[in-house]
Amino acid sequence: MSATTRSGLISPRRPAAGASSDGSTPRDPSSRPAFRFGRVLVNEASFEWLLKRNCSLAPRQLVAVFGSLCVASMVVAGYCWAAGAKLVMPFAGLELAGLGAALFMYARHAADFEHIQLRLGRLTVEHANGPRVQRVEFESAWVRVEPKDGDRSLIELSGQGRHIAVGRFVRPELRRQLAEELRMALRGWPRAGAPEAL
C-alpha cells in the first residue's frame, strides 16, 4: 500500500516568490517549498493531507470486470451443459460466488482514506475504514506528533485526552517524513500561552 501524494505546499507565513498580493499560487512552481504528502489551500490558509490506498481498479471498473468474467464463465458452462456435462454449471456458479465475495471485500475497503486538515487552529482527522468513519478534532497548539511504537510505526496524534493513529497508507520508511510535515504545519499555528507540544 502507498499513499496518493500531493506536492506544492506553500508556507502561509511568507508568500513564495512571484505570488500575487491576494495569495494566489506563484507563477514559478520551482520557487516554492514542496511537501511530499500535504498541500496548502492558499485562499483559506489551511493545510490538508489526503492519504488513501493506491487502487488499480475503481469500484465501477471492478464491477465491469466481474460482469465480463461472469458472462464468459456462464457461456462456457452453458456450452458444457448443452454437451452433456451437467456438473460444470454448478461449479461455475460456486467459482463466481467465491470470486464475487473476494471482490466485494476488496471493494469495501478500496475507498478507505485518512484526511487530515489544519485550519484556523483546529486539526481535524478523519479515518474511513469500510463503512465506518472515525473523526477526531484537536486544538492545534496542544497536539503531540509521535511514533506509536517505533520510527517506522504509525504516527499517533494526541492531545486533550484524545488520540488517533495515522499513516496506514504510507510506506513505513516514509512515515517519519509525514510526521515531520505535520510538525512543521502545526508550528505555523502558534497559540498564545500554549506550550509547544511537538
N, C-alpha and C. Protein backbone atom coordinates (compact mmCIF):
# COMPACT_ATOMS: atom_id res chain seq x y z
N MET A 1 0.83 -1.18 0.00
CA MET A 1 0.00 0.00 0.00
C MET A 1 0.87 1.24 0.00
N SER A 2 0.42 2.24 -0.71
CA SER A 2 1.10 3.52 -0.66
C SER A 2 0.06 4.61 -0.74
N ALA A 3 0.47 5.79 -0.50
CA ALA A 3 -0.46 6.89 -0.42
C ALA A 3 -0.47 7.70 -1.69
N THR A 4 -1.64 8.27 -1.97
CA THR A 4 -1.72 9.27 -3.01
C THR A 4 -1.08 10.52 -2.45
N THR A 5 -0.14 11.06 -3.16
CA THR A 5 0.61 12.19 -2.62
C THR A 5 0.32 13.45 -3.41
N ARG A 6 0.51 14.56 -2.73
CA ARG A 6 0.36 15.86 -3.37
C ARG A 6 1.57 16.69 -3.04
N SER A 7 1.97 17.51 -3.95
CA SER A 7 3.12 18.36 -3.68
C SER A 7 2.74 19.80 -3.93
N GLY A 8 3.67 20.69 -3.66
CA GLY A 8 3.42 22.10 -3.93
C GLY A 8 2.91 22.85 -2.72
N LEU A 9 3.40 22.54 -1.54
CA LEU A 9 2.96 23.22 -0.34
C LEU A 9 3.60 24.59 -0.25
N ILE A 10 2.82 25.60 0.01
CA ILE A 10 3.31 26.96 0.14
C ILE A 10 3.18 27.37 1.60
N SER A 11 4.21 27.90 2.16
CA SER A 11 4.16 28.33 3.56
C SER A 11 3.22 29.51 3.71
N PRO A 12 2.26 29.45 4.67
CA PRO A 12 1.33 30.56 4.81
C PRO A 12 1.94 31.78 5.48
N ARG A 13 3.09 31.64 6.12
CA ARG A 13 3.72 32.77 6.80
C ARG A 13 4.35 33.76 5.83
N ARG A 14 4.91 33.24 4.74
CA ARG A 14 5.68 34.08 3.83
C ARG A 14 5.28 33.72 2.41
N PRO A 15 4.74 34.64 1.62
CA PRO A 15 4.37 34.29 0.25
C PRO A 15 5.59 33.91 -0.56
N ALA A 16 5.40 32.93 -1.41
CA ALA A 16 6.50 32.48 -2.26
C ALA A 16 6.81 33.55 -3.29
N ALA A 17 8.02 33.45 -3.86
CA ALA A 17 8.45 34.42 -4.86
C ALA A 17 7.51 34.39 -6.04
N GLY A 18 7.03 35.53 -6.47
CA GLY A 18 6.14 35.61 -7.62
C GLY A 18 4.68 35.52 -7.25
N ALA A 19 4.36 35.33 -5.96
CA ALA A 19 2.96 35.24 -5.57
C ALA A 19 2.33 36.63 -5.63
N SER A 20 1.07 36.65 -5.97
CA SER A 20 0.38 37.93 -6.01
C SER A 20 -0.07 38.31 -4.62
N SER A 21 -0.53 39.56 -4.46
CA SER A 21 -0.90 40.05 -3.14
C SER A 21 -2.12 39.36 -2.58
N ASP A 22 -2.95 38.73 -3.44
CA ASP A 22 -4.14 38.05 -2.93
C ASP A 22 -3.84 36.63 -2.48
N GLY A 23 -2.57 36.21 -2.50
CA GLY A 23 -2.19 34.89 -2.00
C GLY A 23 -2.35 33.78 -3.02
N SER A 24 -2.50 34.12 -4.29
CA SER A 24 -2.66 33.08 -5.30
C SER A 24 -1.34 32.36 -5.53
N THR A 25 -1.39 31.26 -6.24
CA THR A 25 -0.22 30.43 -6.48
C THR A 25 0.82 31.17 -7.30
N PRO A 26 2.11 31.04 -6.97
CA PRO A 26 3.15 31.72 -7.73
C PRO A 26 3.25 31.17 -9.15
N ARG A 27 3.81 32.00 -10.03
CA ARG A 27 3.94 31.59 -11.42
C ARG A 27 4.99 30.50 -11.60
N ASP A 28 6.04 30.56 -10.80
CA ASP A 28 7.13 29.61 -10.95
C ASP A 28 7.02 28.52 -9.87
N PRO A 29 6.50 27.29 -10.23
CA PRO A 29 6.30 26.24 -9.24
C PRO A 29 7.60 25.79 -8.59
N SER A 30 8.75 25.96 -9.24
CA SER A 30 10.01 25.50 -8.66
C SER A 30 10.47 26.40 -7.53
N SER A 31 9.88 27.59 -7.38
CA SER A 31 10.32 28.53 -6.35
C SER A 31 9.66 28.28 -5.00
N ARG A 32 8.71 27.35 -4.91
CA ARG A 32 8.04 27.13 -3.64
C ARG A 32 8.49 25.83 -2.99
N PRO A 33 8.55 25.81 -1.66
CA PRO A 33 8.93 24.58 -0.98
C PRO A 33 7.82 23.54 -1.13
N ALA A 34 8.19 22.28 -1.31
CA ALA A 34 7.20 21.24 -1.55
C ALA A 34 7.20 20.23 -0.42
N PHE A 35 6.01 19.83 -0.01
CA PHE A 35 5.83 18.71 0.89
C PHE A 35 5.48 17.51 0.03
N ARG A 36 5.82 16.34 0.51
CA ARG A 36 5.56 15.15 -0.26
C ARG A 36 4.09 14.72 -0.15
N PHE A 37 3.50 14.86 1.02
CA PHE A 37 2.16 14.34 1.25
C PHE A 37 1.10 15.42 1.41
N GLY A 38 1.48 16.62 1.82
CA GLY A 38 0.49 17.64 2.12
C GLY A 38 0.43 18.74 1.09
N ARG A 39 -0.57 19.57 1.24
CA ARG A 39 -0.69 20.76 0.41
C ARG A 39 -1.38 21.83 1.23
N VAL A 40 -1.30 23.04 0.77
CA VAL A 40 -1.97 24.14 1.46
C VAL A 40 -3.07 24.67 0.56
N LEU A 41 -4.21 24.95 1.18
CA LEU A 41 -5.29 25.62 0.47
C LEU A 41 -5.04 27.10 0.65
N VAL A 42 -4.48 27.74 -0.36
CA VAL A 42 -3.91 29.07 -0.23
C VAL A 42 -4.93 30.10 0.21
N ASN A 43 -6.11 30.09 -0.38
CA ASN A 43 -7.10 31.12 -0.07
C ASN A 43 -7.59 31.02 1.37
N GLU A 44 -7.64 29.78 1.91
CA GLU A 44 -8.11 29.61 3.29
C GLU A 44 -6.95 29.52 4.26
N ALA A 45 -5.71 29.49 3.77
CA ALA A 45 -4.51 29.35 4.61
C ALA A 45 -4.64 28.14 5.53
N SER A 46 -5.03 27.01 4.95
CA SER A 46 -5.14 25.78 5.74
C SER A 46 -4.37 24.66 5.05
N PHE A 47 -3.84 23.75 5.86
CA PHE A 47 -3.09 22.61 5.36
C PHE A 47 -4.02 21.41 5.22
N GLU A 48 -3.69 20.52 4.27
CA GLU A 48 -4.51 19.34 4.06
C GLU A 48 -3.64 18.17 3.62
N TRP A 49 -3.92 17.00 4.18
CA TRP A 49 -3.29 15.75 3.76
C TRP A 49 -4.41 14.78 3.43
N LEU A 50 -4.36 14.18 2.26
CA LEU A 50 -5.33 13.15 1.89
C LEU A 50 -4.54 11.90 1.54
N LEU A 51 -4.60 10.91 2.41
CA LEU A 51 -3.87 9.66 2.23
C LEU A 51 -4.87 8.56 1.96
N LYS A 52 -4.67 7.82 0.88
CA LYS A 52 -5.59 6.73 0.57
C LYS A 52 -4.87 5.60 -0.14
N ARG A 53 -5.57 4.51 -0.29
CA ARG A 53 -5.00 3.33 -0.93
C ARG A 53 -4.69 3.61 -2.40
N ASN A 54 -3.66 2.97 -2.89
CA ASN A 54 -3.32 3.03 -4.30
C ASN A 54 -4.04 1.87 -4.99
N CYS A 55 -5.25 2.08 -5.46
CA CYS A 55 -6.06 1.02 -6.05
C CYS A 55 -5.95 1.07 -7.57
N SER A 56 -5.68 -0.08 -8.16
CA SER A 56 -5.55 -0.12 -9.61
C SER A 56 -6.90 -0.09 -10.31
N LEU A 57 -7.96 -0.53 -9.62
CA LEU A 57 -9.30 -0.54 -10.21
C LEU A 57 -10.26 0.24 -9.33
N ALA A 58 -11.00 1.15 -9.94
CA ALA A 58 -12.07 1.83 -9.23
C ALA A 58 -13.24 0.86 -9.07
N PRO A 59 -14.12 1.07 -8.08
CA PRO A 59 -15.25 0.15 -7.89
C PRO A 59 -16.09 -0.06 -9.14
N ARG A 60 -16.30 0.98 -9.93
CA ARG A 60 -17.09 0.83 -11.17
C ARG A 60 -16.37 -0.07 -12.17
N GLN A 61 -15.05 0.09 -12.29
CA GLN A 61 -14.28 -0.77 -13.19
C GLN A 61 -14.29 -2.22 -12.69
N LEU A 62 -14.25 -2.38 -11.38
CA LEU A 62 -14.28 -3.71 -10.78
C LEU A 62 -15.58 -4.44 -11.12
N VAL A 63 -16.70 -3.73 -11.06
CA VAL A 63 -18.00 -4.32 -11.41
C VAL A 63 -18.01 -4.72 -12.88
N ALA A 64 -17.44 -3.89 -13.75
CA ALA A 64 -17.40 -4.21 -15.18
C ALA A 64 -16.56 -5.46 -15.45
N VAL A 65 -15.40 -5.57 -14.78
CA VAL A 65 -14.54 -6.74 -14.96
C VAL A 65 -15.24 -7.99 -14.45
N PHE A 66 -15.86 -7.89 -13.27
CA PHE A 66 -16.57 -9.05 -12.71
C PHE A 66 -17.73 -9.47 -13.61
N GLY A 67 -18.46 -8.50 -14.14
CA GLY A 67 -19.57 -8.82 -15.05
C GLY A 67 -19.09 -9.54 -16.30
N SER A 68 -17.97 -9.09 -16.88
CA SER A 68 -17.45 -9.75 -18.08
C SER A 68 -16.97 -11.16 -17.76
N LEU A 69 -16.38 -11.36 -16.57
CA LEU A 69 -15.97 -12.72 -16.16
C LEU A 69 -17.18 -13.63 -15.98
N CYS A 70 -18.26 -13.08 -15.42
CA CYS A 70 -19.48 -13.87 -15.24
C CYS A 70 -20.06 -14.30 -16.59
N VAL A 71 -20.11 -13.37 -17.53
CA VAL A 71 -20.66 -13.69 -18.85
C VAL A 71 -19.81 -14.76 -19.53
N ALA A 72 -18.48 -14.59 -19.53
CA ALA A 72 -17.61 -15.56 -20.18
C ALA A 72 -17.72 -16.93 -19.53
N SER A 73 -17.74 -16.96 -18.20
CA SER A 73 -17.82 -18.24 -17.49
C SER A 73 -19.15 -18.94 -17.75
N MET A 74 -20.24 -18.18 -17.76
CA MET A 74 -21.57 -18.78 -17.99
C MET A 74 -21.73 -19.26 -19.44
N VAL A 75 -21.10 -18.57 -20.38
CA VAL A 75 -21.15 -19.03 -21.78
C VAL A 75 -20.46 -20.39 -21.91
N VAL A 76 -19.28 -20.52 -21.31
CA VAL A 76 -18.55 -21.80 -21.35
C VAL A 76 -19.34 -22.88 -20.61
N ALA A 77 -19.87 -22.53 -19.42
CA ALA A 77 -20.64 -23.51 -18.65
C ALA A 77 -21.90 -23.92 -19.38
N GLY A 78 -22.54 -22.98 -20.07
CA GLY A 78 -23.74 -23.31 -20.86
C GLY A 78 -23.42 -24.24 -22.02
N TYR A 79 -22.30 -24.01 -22.66
CA TYR A 79 -21.87 -24.89 -23.75
C TYR A 79 -21.64 -26.31 -23.23
N CYS A 80 -20.96 -26.41 -22.08
CA CYS A 80 -20.71 -27.73 -21.48
C CYS A 80 -22.01 -28.40 -21.05
N TRP A 81 -22.94 -27.62 -20.53
CA TRP A 81 -24.25 -28.15 -20.13
C TRP A 81 -24.96 -28.74 -21.34
N ALA A 82 -24.94 -27.99 -22.45
CA ALA A 82 -25.60 -28.46 -23.68
C ALA A 82 -24.91 -29.70 -24.23
N ALA A 83 -23.60 -29.84 -23.98
CA ALA A 83 -22.85 -31.01 -24.47
C ALA A 83 -23.01 -32.21 -23.54
N GLY A 84 -23.71 -32.04 -22.41
CA GLY A 84 -23.96 -33.17 -21.52
C GLY A 84 -23.17 -33.16 -20.22
N ALA A 85 -22.29 -32.20 -20.03
CA ALA A 85 -21.52 -32.13 -18.78
C ALA A 85 -22.31 -31.26 -17.81
N LYS A 86 -23.23 -31.90 -17.07
CA LYS A 86 -24.18 -31.17 -16.22
C LYS A 86 -23.54 -30.56 -14.97
N LEU A 87 -22.39 -31.07 -14.51
CA LEU A 87 -21.79 -30.57 -13.27
C LEU A 87 -20.96 -29.30 -13.46
N VAL A 88 -20.71 -28.93 -14.70
CA VAL A 88 -19.89 -27.74 -14.93
C VAL A 88 -20.62 -26.48 -14.48
N MET A 89 -21.94 -26.43 -14.73
CA MET A 89 -22.71 -25.23 -14.39
C MET A 89 -22.71 -24.94 -12.88
N PRO A 90 -22.99 -25.93 -11.99
CA PRO A 90 -22.96 -25.60 -10.56
C PRO A 90 -21.56 -25.20 -10.06
N PHE A 91 -20.51 -25.84 -10.60
CA PHE A 91 -19.17 -25.47 -10.17
C PHE A 91 -18.79 -24.07 -10.67
N ALA A 92 -19.25 -23.72 -11.85
CA ALA A 92 -19.01 -22.36 -12.35
C ALA A 92 -19.72 -21.34 -11.46
N GLY A 93 -20.94 -21.68 -11.02
CA GLY A 93 -21.67 -20.80 -10.10
C GLY A 93 -20.94 -20.63 -8.77
N LEU A 94 -20.41 -21.73 -8.22
CA LEU A 94 -19.64 -21.66 -6.97
C LEU A 94 -18.38 -20.81 -7.14
N GLU A 95 -17.70 -21.02 -8.27
CA GLU A 95 -16.49 -20.25 -8.54
C GLU A 95 -16.79 -18.75 -8.61
N LEU A 96 -17.87 -18.38 -9.30
CA LEU A 96 -18.22 -16.97 -9.42
C LEU A 96 -18.69 -16.39 -8.09
N ALA A 97 -19.36 -17.20 -7.26
CA ALA A 97 -19.77 -16.72 -5.94
C ALA A 97 -18.55 -16.44 -5.07
N GLY A 98 -17.55 -17.32 -5.11
CA GLY A 98 -16.33 -17.10 -4.34
C GLY A 98 -15.58 -15.87 -4.82
N LEU A 99 -15.46 -15.72 -6.14
CA LEU A 99 -14.79 -14.56 -6.70
C LEU A 99 -15.54 -13.27 -6.36
N GLY A 100 -16.88 -13.33 -6.43
CA GLY A 100 -17.69 -12.17 -6.09
C GLY A 100 -17.50 -11.75 -4.64
N ALA A 101 -17.42 -12.74 -3.72
CA ALA A 101 -17.20 -12.43 -2.30
C ALA A 101 -15.83 -11.76 -2.08
N ALA A 102 -14.80 -12.29 -2.77
CA ALA A 102 -13.46 -11.71 -2.63
C ALA A 102 -13.42 -10.28 -3.18
N LEU A 103 -14.05 -10.06 -4.33
CA LEU A 103 -14.07 -8.71 -4.92
C LEU A 103 -14.90 -7.74 -4.08
N PHE A 104 -15.95 -8.25 -3.43
CA PHE A 104 -16.74 -7.40 -2.55
C PHE A 104 -15.91 -6.92 -1.36
N MET A 105 -15.14 -7.83 -0.78
CA MET A 105 -14.27 -7.44 0.34
C MET A 105 -13.23 -6.42 -0.10
N TYR A 106 -12.69 -6.61 -1.30
CA TYR A 106 -11.73 -5.64 -1.84
C TYR A 106 -12.39 -4.28 -2.04
N ALA A 107 -13.57 -4.28 -2.68
CA ALA A 107 -14.25 -3.02 -3.00
C ALA A 107 -14.69 -2.30 -1.73
N ARG A 108 -14.99 -3.04 -0.67
CA ARG A 108 -15.45 -2.43 0.57
C ARG A 108 -14.37 -1.54 1.19
N HIS A 109 -13.11 -1.93 1.00
CA HIS A 109 -12.01 -1.14 1.57
C HIS A 109 -11.20 -0.37 0.53
N ALA A 110 -11.62 -0.41 -0.73
CA ALA A 110 -10.87 0.29 -1.78
C ALA A 110 -10.90 1.80 -1.60
N ALA A 111 -11.95 2.32 -0.98
CA ALA A 111 -12.08 3.77 -0.81
C ALA A 111 -11.66 4.24 0.58
N ASP A 112 -10.99 3.40 1.36
CA ASP A 112 -10.51 3.81 2.69
C ASP A 112 -9.55 4.98 2.54
N PHE A 113 -9.58 5.90 3.50
CA PHE A 113 -8.69 7.06 3.43
C PHE A 113 -8.44 7.63 4.81
N GLU A 114 -7.45 8.50 4.88
CA GLU A 114 -7.18 9.34 6.05
C GLU A 114 -7.11 10.78 5.56
N HIS A 115 -7.95 11.62 6.10
CA HIS A 115 -7.98 13.03 5.71
C HIS A 115 -7.63 13.86 6.93
N ILE A 116 -6.55 14.64 6.82
CA ILE A 116 -6.08 15.48 7.92
C ILE A 116 -6.13 16.92 7.43
N GLN A 117 -6.77 17.78 8.22
CA GLN A 117 -6.86 19.19 7.83
C GLN A 117 -6.54 20.07 9.03
N LEU A 118 -5.71 21.06 8.79
CA LEU A 118 -5.34 22.05 9.80
C LEU A 118 -5.87 23.39 9.34
N ARG A 119 -6.83 23.93 10.09
CA ARG A 119 -7.48 25.18 9.67
C ARG A 119 -7.88 25.99 10.88
N LEU A 120 -7.45 27.23 10.92
CA LEU A 120 -7.81 28.18 11.98
C LEU A 120 -7.56 27.61 13.37
N GLY A 121 -6.39 26.99 13.54
CA GLY A 121 -6.01 26.49 14.85
C GLY A 121 -6.68 25.20 15.26
N ARG A 122 -7.39 24.54 14.35
CA ARG A 122 -8.04 23.27 14.65
C ARG A 122 -7.47 22.20 13.71
N LEU A 123 -7.07 21.07 14.28
CA LEU A 123 -6.61 19.94 13.49
C LEU A 123 -7.72 18.90 13.49
N THR A 124 -8.22 18.57 12.31
CA THR A 124 -9.30 17.60 12.16
C THR A 124 -8.77 16.39 11.42
N VAL A 125 -8.99 15.19 11.98
CA VAL A 125 -8.53 13.95 11.37
C VAL A 125 -9.72 13.04 11.14
N GLU A 126 -9.89 12.57 9.91
CA GLU A 126 -10.94 11.60 9.59
C GLU A 126 -10.27 10.34 9.05
N HIS A 127 -10.69 9.20 9.57
CA HIS A 127 -10.19 7.91 9.09
C HIS A 127 -11.38 7.05 8.69
N ALA A 128 -11.47 6.73 7.40
CA ALA A 128 -12.55 5.88 6.89
C ALA A 128 -12.03 4.46 6.74
N ASN A 129 -12.71 3.52 7.37
CA ASN A 129 -12.37 2.10 7.28
C ASN A 129 -13.64 1.35 6.91
N GLY A 130 -13.80 1.08 5.60
CA GLY A 130 -15.04 0.49 5.13
C GLY A 130 -16.17 1.49 5.33
N PRO A 131 -17.28 1.06 5.92
CA PRO A 131 -18.40 1.99 6.12
C PRO A 131 -18.24 2.89 7.35
N ARG A 132 -17.25 2.62 8.20
CA ARG A 132 -17.08 3.40 9.43
C ARG A 132 -16.12 4.56 9.20
N VAL A 133 -16.48 5.73 9.73
CA VAL A 133 -15.61 6.90 9.66
C VAL A 133 -15.38 7.40 11.08
N GLN A 134 -14.11 7.47 11.48
CA GLN A 134 -13.74 7.99 12.80
C GLN A 134 -13.24 9.41 12.61
N ARG A 135 -13.75 10.35 13.41
CA ARG A 135 -13.38 11.76 13.29
C ARG A 135 -12.93 12.27 14.65
N VAL A 136 -11.76 12.90 14.69
CA VAL A 136 -11.21 13.46 15.93
C VAL A 136 -10.75 14.89 15.64
N GLU A 137 -11.05 15.81 16.56
CA GLU A 137 -10.62 17.20 16.43
C GLU A 137 -9.73 17.58 17.60
N PHE A 138 -8.71 18.36 17.30
CA PHE A 138 -7.76 18.83 18.31
C PHE A 138 -7.58 20.34 18.19
N GLU A 139 -7.21 20.98 19.31
CA GLU A 139 -6.66 22.33 19.26
C GLU A 139 -5.22 22.16 18.78
N SER A 140 -4.86 22.80 17.69
CA SER A 140 -3.56 22.53 17.06
C SER A 140 -2.38 22.81 17.98
N ALA A 141 -2.50 23.79 18.87
CA ALA A 141 -1.38 24.15 19.73
C ALA A 141 -1.06 23.07 20.77
N TRP A 142 -1.98 22.14 21.00
CA TRP A 142 -1.79 21.13 22.04
C TRP A 142 -1.52 19.74 21.47
N VAL A 143 -1.35 19.62 20.16
CA VAL A 143 -1.20 18.32 19.53
C VAL A 143 0.23 17.81 19.65
N ARG A 144 0.38 16.56 20.00
CA ARG A 144 1.69 15.89 20.01
C ARG A 144 1.72 14.94 18.81
N VAL A 145 2.84 14.94 18.10
CA VAL A 145 3.04 14.06 16.95
C VAL A 145 4.18 13.12 17.30
N GLU A 146 3.85 11.83 17.50
CA GLU A 146 4.84 10.85 17.94
C GLU A 146 4.65 9.54 17.20
N PRO A 147 5.72 8.78 17.03
CA PRO A 147 5.53 7.42 16.50
C PRO A 147 4.81 6.58 17.54
N LYS A 148 3.92 5.70 17.09
CA LYS A 148 3.13 4.90 18.02
C LYS A 148 4.01 3.90 18.77
N ASP A 149 4.88 3.19 18.05
CA ASP A 149 5.76 2.20 18.68
C ASP A 149 7.22 2.48 18.38
N GLY A 150 7.58 2.56 17.11
CA GLY A 150 8.96 2.80 16.71
C GLY A 150 9.00 3.82 15.60
N ASP A 151 10.17 4.00 15.02
CA ASP A 151 10.37 5.02 14.00
C ASP A 151 9.56 4.75 12.73
N ARG A 152 9.27 3.46 12.43
CA ARG A 152 8.54 3.12 11.20
C ARG A 152 7.09 2.73 11.48
N SER A 153 6.63 2.96 12.70
CA SER A 153 5.26 2.59 13.06
C SER A 153 4.29 3.70 12.65
N LEU A 154 3.01 3.47 12.91
CA LEU A 154 2.01 4.50 12.65
C LEU A 154 2.31 5.74 13.49
N ILE A 155 1.81 6.88 13.03
CA ILE A 155 2.03 8.15 13.72
C ILE A 155 0.82 8.41 14.61
N GLU A 156 1.08 8.67 15.88
CA GLU A 156 -0.02 8.95 16.81
C GLU A 156 -0.13 10.44 17.05
N LEU A 157 -1.33 10.97 16.78
CA LEU A 157 -1.65 12.36 17.09
C LEU A 157 -2.46 12.36 18.38
N SER A 158 -2.00 13.10 19.37
CA SER A 158 -2.70 13.10 20.65
C SER A 158 -2.73 14.48 21.24
N GLY A 159 -3.71 14.70 22.11
CA GLY A 159 -3.85 15.97 22.80
C GLY A 159 -5.21 16.09 23.42
N GLN A 160 -5.27 16.72 24.58
CA GLN A 160 -6.52 16.99 25.28
C GLN A 160 -7.32 15.70 25.53
N GLY A 161 -6.61 14.61 25.83
CA GLY A 161 -7.28 13.35 26.15
C GLY A 161 -7.77 12.56 24.96
N ARG A 162 -7.49 13.01 23.75
CA ARG A 162 -7.90 12.29 22.55
C ARG A 162 -6.66 11.85 21.78
N HIS A 163 -6.79 10.79 21.00
CA HIS A 163 -5.67 10.34 20.17
C HIS A 163 -6.20 9.55 18.98
N ILE A 164 -5.41 9.54 17.92
CA ILE A 164 -5.73 8.77 16.72
C ILE A 164 -4.42 8.48 15.99
N ALA A 165 -4.34 7.29 15.39
CA ALA A 165 -3.14 6.90 14.64
C ALA A 165 -3.38 7.14 13.15
N VAL A 166 -2.38 7.67 12.46
CA VAL A 166 -2.46 7.94 11.03
C VAL A 166 -1.22 7.36 10.34
N GLY A 167 -1.27 7.31 9.02
CA GLY A 167 -0.13 6.84 8.24
C GLY A 167 -0.28 5.42 7.74
N ARG A 168 -1.49 4.85 7.79
CA ARG A 168 -1.70 3.48 7.34
C ARG A 168 -1.40 3.29 5.85
N PHE A 169 -1.62 4.32 5.08
CA PHE A 169 -1.48 4.22 3.63
C PHE A 169 -0.16 4.80 3.14
N VAL A 170 0.78 4.96 4.04
CA VAL A 170 2.12 5.44 3.70
C VAL A 170 3.11 4.32 4.01
N ARG A 171 4.06 4.12 3.12
CA ARG A 171 5.07 3.08 3.37
C ARG A 171 5.80 3.37 4.67
N PRO A 172 6.15 2.33 5.45
CA PRO A 172 6.78 2.55 6.76
C PRO A 172 8.01 3.46 6.72
N GLU A 173 8.82 3.34 5.68
CA GLU A 173 10.04 4.16 5.64
C GLU A 173 9.74 5.64 5.37
N LEU A 174 8.51 5.98 4.94
CA LEU A 174 8.15 7.37 4.65
C LEU A 174 7.31 8.00 5.76
N ARG A 175 6.97 7.23 6.78
CA ARG A 175 6.11 7.76 7.84
C ARG A 175 6.79 8.87 8.64
N ARG A 176 8.11 8.76 8.79
CA ARG A 176 8.83 9.79 9.52
C ARG A 176 8.72 11.13 8.79
N GLN A 177 8.77 11.09 7.46
CA GLN A 177 8.65 12.32 6.67
C GLN A 177 7.25 12.92 6.83
N LEU A 178 6.22 12.06 6.87
CA LEU A 178 4.86 12.55 7.09
C LEU A 178 4.75 13.22 8.46
N ALA A 179 5.36 12.60 9.48
CA ALA A 179 5.33 13.18 10.82
C ALA A 179 6.01 14.55 10.83
N GLU A 180 7.12 14.68 10.10
CA GLU A 180 7.81 15.98 10.05
C GLU A 180 6.95 17.05 9.37
N GLU A 181 6.23 16.65 8.32
CA GLU A 181 5.33 17.61 7.66
C GLU A 181 4.25 18.08 8.62
N LEU A 182 3.68 17.15 9.38
CA LEU A 182 2.64 17.52 10.33
C LEU A 182 3.20 18.47 11.39
N ARG A 183 4.40 18.18 11.89
CA ARG A 183 5.02 19.06 12.89
C ARG A 183 5.27 20.46 12.34
N MET A 184 5.78 20.53 11.11
CA MET A 184 6.07 21.83 10.50
C MET A 184 4.80 22.64 10.33
N ALA A 185 3.72 22.00 9.90
CA ALA A 185 2.46 22.71 9.71
C ALA A 185 1.90 23.17 11.04
N LEU A 186 1.99 22.32 12.06
CA LEU A 186 1.47 22.69 13.38
C LEU A 186 2.24 23.86 13.98
N ARG A 187 3.52 23.97 13.70
CA ARG A 187 4.32 25.09 14.21
C ARG A 187 3.88 26.41 13.59
N GLY A 188 3.21 26.34 12.46
CA GLY A 188 2.73 27.55 11.81
C GLY A 188 1.46 28.10 12.42
N TRP A 189 0.90 27.39 13.42
CA TRP A 189 -0.33 27.84 14.05
C TRP A 189 -0.12 28.01 15.54
N PRO A 190 0.76 28.93 15.97
CA PRO A 190 1.00 29.08 17.41
C PRO A 190 -0.21 29.67 18.12
N ARG A 191 -0.32 29.29 19.36
CA ARG A 191 -1.39 29.84 20.18
C ARG A 191 -0.77 30.47 21.41
N ALA A 192 -1.17 31.69 21.72
CA ALA A 192 -0.56 32.41 22.86
C ALA A 192 -0.81 31.65 24.14
N GLY A 193 0.26 31.45 24.93
CA GLY A 193 0.14 30.81 26.23
C GLY A 193 0.18 29.31 26.20
N ALA A 194 0.21 28.70 24.99
CA ALA A 194 0.20 27.24 24.90
C ALA A 194 1.61 26.74 24.72
N PRO A 195 1.97 25.63 25.38
CA PRO A 195 3.31 25.08 25.19
C PRO A 195 3.44 24.46 23.82
N GLU A 196 4.63 24.40 23.30
CA GLU A 196 4.86 23.74 22.00
C GLU A 196 4.99 22.25 22.25
N ALA A 197 3.88 21.52 21.99
CA ALA A 197 3.81 20.10 22.30
C ALA A 197 4.05 19.29 21.05
N LEU A 198 5.21 19.43 20.47
CA LEU A 198 5.52 18.73 19.25
C LEU A 198 6.73 17.84 19.45
